[in-house]
Protein backbone atom coordinates (compact mmCIF):
# COMPACT_ATOMS: atom_id res chain seq x y z
CA MET A 1 12.70 5.77 -8.96
CA PRO A 2 10.17 7.22 -6.46
CA LEU A 3 6.90 5.82 -6.24
CA ARG A 4 4.13 7.46 -7.17
CA ALA A 5 1.18 5.76 -6.29
CA SER A 6 -0.52 6.22 -2.27
CA MET A 7 -0.47 1.98 -2.03
CA TRP A 8 1.98 0.02 0.36
CA PHE A 9 5.53 -1.59 -0.97
CA GLU A 10 7.67 -3.26 1.21
CA GLU A 11 9.73 -6.22 1.41
CA CYS A 12 7.69 -8.85 3.47
CA ALA A 13 5.84 -12.31 4.14
CA LYS A 14 3.81 -13.87 1.04
CA GLU A 15 1.33 -13.97 3.62
CA ASP A 16 1.57 -10.73 5.11
CA LEU A 17 1.34 -9.11 1.36
CA LEU A 18 -1.82 -11.06 0.48
CA ALA A 19 -3.21 -9.23 3.78
CA LYS A 20 -1.82 -5.75 3.06
CA ARG A 21 -3.10 -5.91 -1.14
CA ASN A 22 -6.96 -7.51 0.76
CA GLU A 23 -6.63 -4.05 3.03
CA GLN A 24 -5.73 -1.59 0.20
CA VAL A 25 -8.39 -3.14 -2.06
CA ALA A 26 -11.17 -2.60 0.18
CA GLU A 27 -9.82 0.67 1.74
CA LYS A 28 -9.80 1.60 -1.90
CA GLN A 29 -12.85 -0.04 -2.86
CA LEU A 30 -10.76 -1.69 -6.36
CA ASP A 31 -12.56 -3.59 -8.74
CA ILE A 32 -10.37 -6.56 -8.72
CA ARG A 33 -11.13 -9.36 -11.71
CA GLU A 34 -8.91 -12.02 -11.20
CA PHE A 35 -8.45 -15.42 -13.07
CA GLU A 36 -9.61 -14.23 -16.05
CA LYS A 37 -8.04 -14.44 -19.63
CA LEU A 38 -7.81 -11.68 -21.69
CA LEU A 39 -9.62 -11.21 -24.98
CA GLU A 40 -8.70 -8.03 -25.88
CA ILE A 41 -8.55 -4.07 -24.70
CA ARG A 42 -10.16 -1.52 -27.20
CA ARG A 43 -9.89 2.34 -26.74
CA LYS A 44 -12.98 4.18 -27.47
CA ASP A 45 -12.39 8.49 -26.74
CA LYS A 46 -11.78 8.57 -23.06
CA THR A 47 -12.51 5.19 -21.93
CA LEU A 48 -11.37 1.60 -22.40
CA GLU A 49 -13.41 -1.78 -23.50
CA VAL A 50 -11.91 -4.79 -21.95
CA GLU A 51 -12.77 -8.08 -23.46
CA SER A 52 -12.35 -11.23 -21.08
CA GLN A 53 -13.81 -14.66 -21.11
CA LYS A 54 -16.65 -13.88 -18.48
CA GLU A 55 -17.03 -10.39 -19.43
CA ASN A 56 -17.08 -7.15 -20.65
CA TYR A 57 -16.09 -3.92 -19.18
CA LYS A 58 -15.98 -0.30 -19.21
CA ALA A 59 -12.90 1.26 -17.57
CA ARG A 60 -11.43 4.67 -17.49
CA ARG A 61 -8.10 2.96 -16.32
CA VAL A 62 -6.63 -0.48 -16.31
CA ILE A 63 -3.88 -2.78 -14.42
CA LEU A 64 -2.76 -6.05 -16.14
CA ALA A 65 -0.98 -7.91 -13.91
CA VAL A 66 -0.04 -11.58 -14.91
CA ALA A 67 2.14 -13.55 -11.86
CA ARG A 68 3.16 -17.29 -11.21
CA TRP A 69 2.97 -18.40 -7.96
CA ALA A 70 5.40 -20.75 -6.48
CA ILE A 71 4.66 -22.73 -4.21
CA ARG A 72 7.77 -24.85 -2.25
CA ALA A 73 7.82 -28.10 -1.11
CA LYS A 74 8.71 -28.84 2.29
CA PRO A 75 11.32 -31.54 2.25
CA VAL A 76 10.74 -34.99 3.14
CA LEU A 77 12.48 -35.98 6.07
CA LYS A 78 13.18 -39.63 7.60
CA GLY A 79 11.92 -40.55 10.03
CA LYS A 80 9.32 -38.26 10.74
């Protein structure tokens, strides 16, 4: 499936992905809201009304992303 967005996507290390994400957020002036529990999204005409535990927002578009970060523990080596 071809990508329809102008965002950068390719396989990379986590640190590179986060750096590129932050660069694109700044470049495209995206309004990112993180660590908010979403309560409801309602459509009102051409606007979406988003209600979270922190605040209410109005937007033309909303991207909802849910993820779980996995932190791999380094193995414990005896004698070190």
